[in-house]
């Protein structure tokens, strides 16, 4: 415990991005559903919450994959109802990061 271990190694700088796009490509409908469930006046934050919930339930924990695979509402509830303060802190950090990155992606596509 306390030792970092590389999960993957890439020869080119663009490969990790391609890997992540490939991993999450099939989840776009789920991300859109989560965005809709995360009502907010700020669309960037809606996506930030959706992406944070997907990240937490697919990358940090495999809970979204089931079996059976969770629905968007179950994923949202799984994250929101977690009482572990460490997880809530991680989730809030994810929301901030994903909101900022999504907004930057939309406003600065190049």
C-alpha atoms as a PDB file:
ATOM      1  CA  UNK A   1       0.000   0.000   0.000  1.00  0.00           C
ATOM      2  CA  UNK A   2       1.201   3.493  -0.784  1.00  0.00           C
ATOM      3  CA  UNK A   3       3.171   2.393  -3.838  1.00  0.00           C
ATOM      4  CA  UNK A   4       2.127   3.676  -7.251  1.00  0.00           C
ATOM      5  CA  UNK A   5       1.948   1.168 -10.059  1.00  0.00           C
ATOM      6  CA  UNK A   6       1.611   2.123 -13.725  1.00  0.00           C
ATOM      7  CA  UNK A   7      -1.536   0.682 -15.279  1.00  0.00           C
ATOM      8  CA  UNK A   8      -0.413   1.363 -18.824  1.00  0.00           C
ATOM      9  CA  UNK A   9       2.561   2.636 -20.783  1.00  0.00           C
ATOM     10  CA  UNK A  10       2.288   4.493 -24.091  1.00  0.00           C
ATOM     11  CA  UNK A  11       4.931   5.192 -26.717  1.00  0.00           C
ATOM     12  CA  UNK A  12       3.259   8.317 -28.130  1.00  0.00           C
ATOM     13  CA  UNK A  13       1.785  11.326 -26.306  1.00  0.00           C
ATOM     14  CA  UNK A  14      -1.521  11.088 -28.229  1.00  0.00           C
ATOM     15  CA  UNK A  15      -2.073   7.413 -27.402  1.00  0.00           C
ATOM     16  CA  UNK A  16      -3.520   7.925 -23.872  1.00  0.00           C
ATOM     17  CA  UNK A  17      -6.135  10.310 -25.256  1.00  0.00           C
ATOM     18  CA  UNK A  18      -7.052   7.859 -28.010  1.00  0.00           C
ATOM     19  CA  UNK A  19      -7.271   5.117 -25.385  1.00  0.00           C
ATOM     20  CA  UNK A  20      -9.678   7.150 -23.214  1.00  0.00           C
ATOM     21  CA  UNK A  21     -11.849   8.122 -26.203  1.00  0.00           C
ATOM     22  CA  UNK A  22     -12.021   4.475 -27.213  1.00  0.00           C
ATOM     23  CA  UNK A  23     -12.882   3.388 -23.658  1.00  0.00           C
ATOM     24  CA  UNK A  24     -15.699   5.919 -23.190  1.00  0.00           C
ATOM     25  CA  UNK A  25     -17.030   6.120 -26.779  1.00  0.00           C
ATOM     26  CA  UNK A  26     -19.672   3.460 -26.150  1.00  0.00           C
ATOM     27  CA  UNK A  27     -20.815   5.320 -23.024  1.00  0.00           C
ATOM     28  CA  UNK A  28     -21.888   8.523 -24.787  1.00  0.00           C
ATOM     29  CA  UNK A  29     -25.634   7.714 -24.462  1.00  0.00           C
ATOM     30  CA  UNK A  30     -25.111   6.999 -20.748  1.00  0.00           C
ATOM     31  CA  UNK A  31     -23.194  10.266 -20.313  1.00  0.00           C
ATOM     32  CA  UNK A  32     -26.026  12.163 -22.045  1.00  0.00           C
ATOM     33  CA  UNK A  33     -28.564  10.515 -19.721  1.00  0.00           C
ATOM     34  CA  UNK A  34     -26.480  11.442 -16.683  1.00  0.00           C
ATOM     35  CA  UNK A  35     -26.170  15.006 -17.948  1.00  0.00           C
ATOM     36  CA  UNK A  36     -29.969  15.221 -18.147  1.00  0.00           C
ATOM     37  CA  UNK A  37     -30.356  13.775 -14.639  1.00  0.00           C
ATOM     38  CA  UNK A  38     -27.889  16.294 -13.196  1.00  0.00           C
ATOM     39  CA  UNK A  39     -30.095  19.358 -13.473  1.00  0.00           C
ATOM     40  CA  UNK A  40     -28.150  22.592 -13.236  1.00  0.00           C
ATOM     41  CA  UNK A  41     -28.386  26.039 -14.815  1.00  0.00           C
ATOM     42  CA  UNK A  42     -24.814  25.570 -16.021  1.00  0.00           C
ATOM     43  CA  UNK A  43     -24.610  22.999 -18.836  1.00  0.00           C
ATOM     44  CA  UNK A  44     -20.851  22.661 -18.371  1.00  0.00           C
ATOM     45  CA  UNK A  45     -21.425  21.621 -14.749  1.00  0.00           C
ATOM     46  CA  UNK A  46     -24.104  19.134 -15.856  1.00  0.00           C
ATOM     47  CA  UNK A  47     -21.483  17.464 -18.049  1.00  0.00           C
ATOM     48  CA  UNK A  48     -18.891  17.836 -15.298  1.00  0.00           C
ATOM     49  CA  UNK A  49     -21.121  15.926 -12.884  1.00  0.00           C
ATOM     50  CA  UNK A  50     -22.009  13.296 -15.508  1.00  0.00           C
ATOM     51  CA  UNK A  51     -18.361  12.714 -16.410  1.00  0.00           C
ATOM     52  CA  UNK A  52     -17.335  12.603 -12.740  1.00  0.00           C
ATOM     53  CA  UNK A  53     -20.018  10.012 -12.017  1.00  0.00           C
ATOM     54  CA  UNK A  54     -18.963   7.904 -15.010  1.00  0.00           C
ATOM     55  CA  UNK A  55     -15.300   8.199 -14.062  1.00  0.00           C
ATOM     56  CA  UNK A  56     -15.917   7.209 -10.459  1.00  0.00           C
ATOM     57  CA  UNK A  57     -18.155   4.242 -11.293  1.00  0.00           C
ATOM     58  CA  UNK A  58     -16.120   2.886 -14.215  1.00  0.00           C
ATOM     59  CA  UNK A  59     -12.528   3.856 -13.555  1.00  0.00           C
ATOM     60  CA  UNK A  60     -12.147   4.183  -9.775  1.00  0.00           C
ATOM     61  CA  UNK A  61     -14.594   1.355  -9.090  1.00  0.00           C
ATOM     62  CA  UNK A  62     -16.137  -1.041 -11.619  1.00  0.00           C
ATOM     63  CA  UNK A  63     -19.602  -0.749 -10.034  1.00  0.00           C
ATOM     64  CA  UNK A  64     -21.262   0.647 -13.209  1.00  0.00           C
ATOM     65  CA  UNK A  65     -20.457  -2.525 -15.102  1.00  0.00           C
ATOM     66  CA  UNK A  66     -22.441  -4.695 -12.681  1.00  0.00           C
ATOM     67  CA  UNK A  67     -23.577  -7.348 -13.163  1.00  0.00           C
ATOM     68  CA  UNK A  68     -26.090  -6.198 -14.027  1.00  0.00           C
ATOM     69  CA  UNK A  69     -24.857  -2.942 -15.557  1.00  0.00           C
ATOM     70  CA  UNK A  70     -26.239   0.106 -13.773  1.00  0.00           C
ATOM     71  CA  UNK A  71     -28.592   2.607 -15.364  1.00  0.00           C
ATOM     72  CA  UNK A  72     -27.746   6.320 -15.438  1.00  0.00           C
ATOM     73  CA  UNK A  73     -30.015   6.975 -12.462  1.00  0.00           C
ATOM     74  CA  UNK A  74     -28.430   4.135 -10.481  1.00  0.00           C
ATOM     75  CA  UNK A  75     -24.949   5.480 -11.269  1.00  0.00           C
ATOM     76  CA  UNK A  76     -25.916   8.972 -10.113  1.00  0.00           C
ATOM     77  CA  UNK A  77     -27.477   7.602  -6.926  1.00  0.00           C
ATOM     78  CA  UNK A  78     -24.470   5.353  -6.252  1.00  0.00           C
ATOM     79  CA  UNK A  79     -22.154   8.359  -6.258  1.00  0.00           C
ATOM     80  CA  UNK A  80     -24.460  10.845  -4.516  1.00  0.00           C
ATOM     81  CA  UNK A  81     -25.483   8.433  -1.757  1.00  0.00           C
ATOM     82  CA  UNK A  82     -21.919   7.457  -0.874  1.00  0.00           C
ATOM     83  CA  UNK A  83     -21.281   8.530   2.691  1.00  0.00           C
ATOM     84  CA  UNK A  84     -17.507   8.042   2.686  1.00  0.00           C
ATOM     85  CA  UNK A  85     -16.061  11.573   2.957  1.00  0.00           C
ATOM     86  CA  UNK A  86     -12.981  10.539   0.989  1.00  0.00           C
ATOM     87  CA  UNK A  87     -15.199   9.539  -1.950  1.00  0.00           C
ATOM     88  CA  UNK A  88     -17.283  12.731  -1.726  1.00  0.00           C
ATOM     89  CA  UNK A  89     -14.108  14.831  -1.763  1.00  0.00           C
ATOM     90  CA  UNK A  90     -12.821  12.875  -4.774  1.00  0.00           C
ATOM     91  CA  UNK A  91     -16.172  13.288  -6.541  1.00  0.00           C
ATOM     92  CA  UNK A  92     -16.255  17.054  -5.904  1.00  0.00           C
ATOM     93  CA  UNK A  93     -12.712  17.351  -7.268  1.00  0.00           C
ATOM     94  CA  UNK A  94     -13.722  15.346 -10.349  1.00  0.00           C
ATOM     95  CA  UNK A  95     -16.735  17.615 -10.913  1.00  0.00           C
ATOM     96  CA  UNK A  96     -14.533  20.705 -10.782  1.00  0.00           C
ATOM     97  CA  UNK A  97     -11.933  19.229 -13.126  1.00  0.00           C
ATOM     98  CA  UNK A  98     -14.404  17.808 -15.649  1.00  0.00           C
ATOM     99  CA  UNK A  99     -16.522  20.989 -15.654  1.00  0.00           C
ATOM    100  CA  UNK A 100     -13.461  23.121 -16.367  1.00  0.00           C
ATOM    101  CA  UNK A 101     -12.120  20.764 -19.028  1.00  0.00           C
ATOM    102  CA  UNK A 102     -15.480  20.387 -20.772  1.00  0.00           C
ATOM    103  CA  UNK A 103     -16.021  24.151 -20.821  1.00  0.00           C
ATOM    104  CA  UNK A 104     -12.519  24.690 -22.206  1.00  0.00           C
ATOM    105  CA  UNK A 105     -13.105  21.979 -24.817  1.00  0.00           C
ATOM    106  CA  UNK A 106     -16.346  23.628 -25.987  1.00  0.00           C
ATOM    107  CA  UNK A 107     -15.059  27.214 -25.959  1.00  0.00           C
ATOM    108  CA  UNK A 108     -11.609  26.441 -27.393  1.00  0.00           C
ATOM    109  CA  UNK A 109     -12.013  23.521 -29.805  1.00  0.00           C
ATOM    110  CA  UNK A 110      -8.591  24.085 -31.399  1.00  0.00           C
END
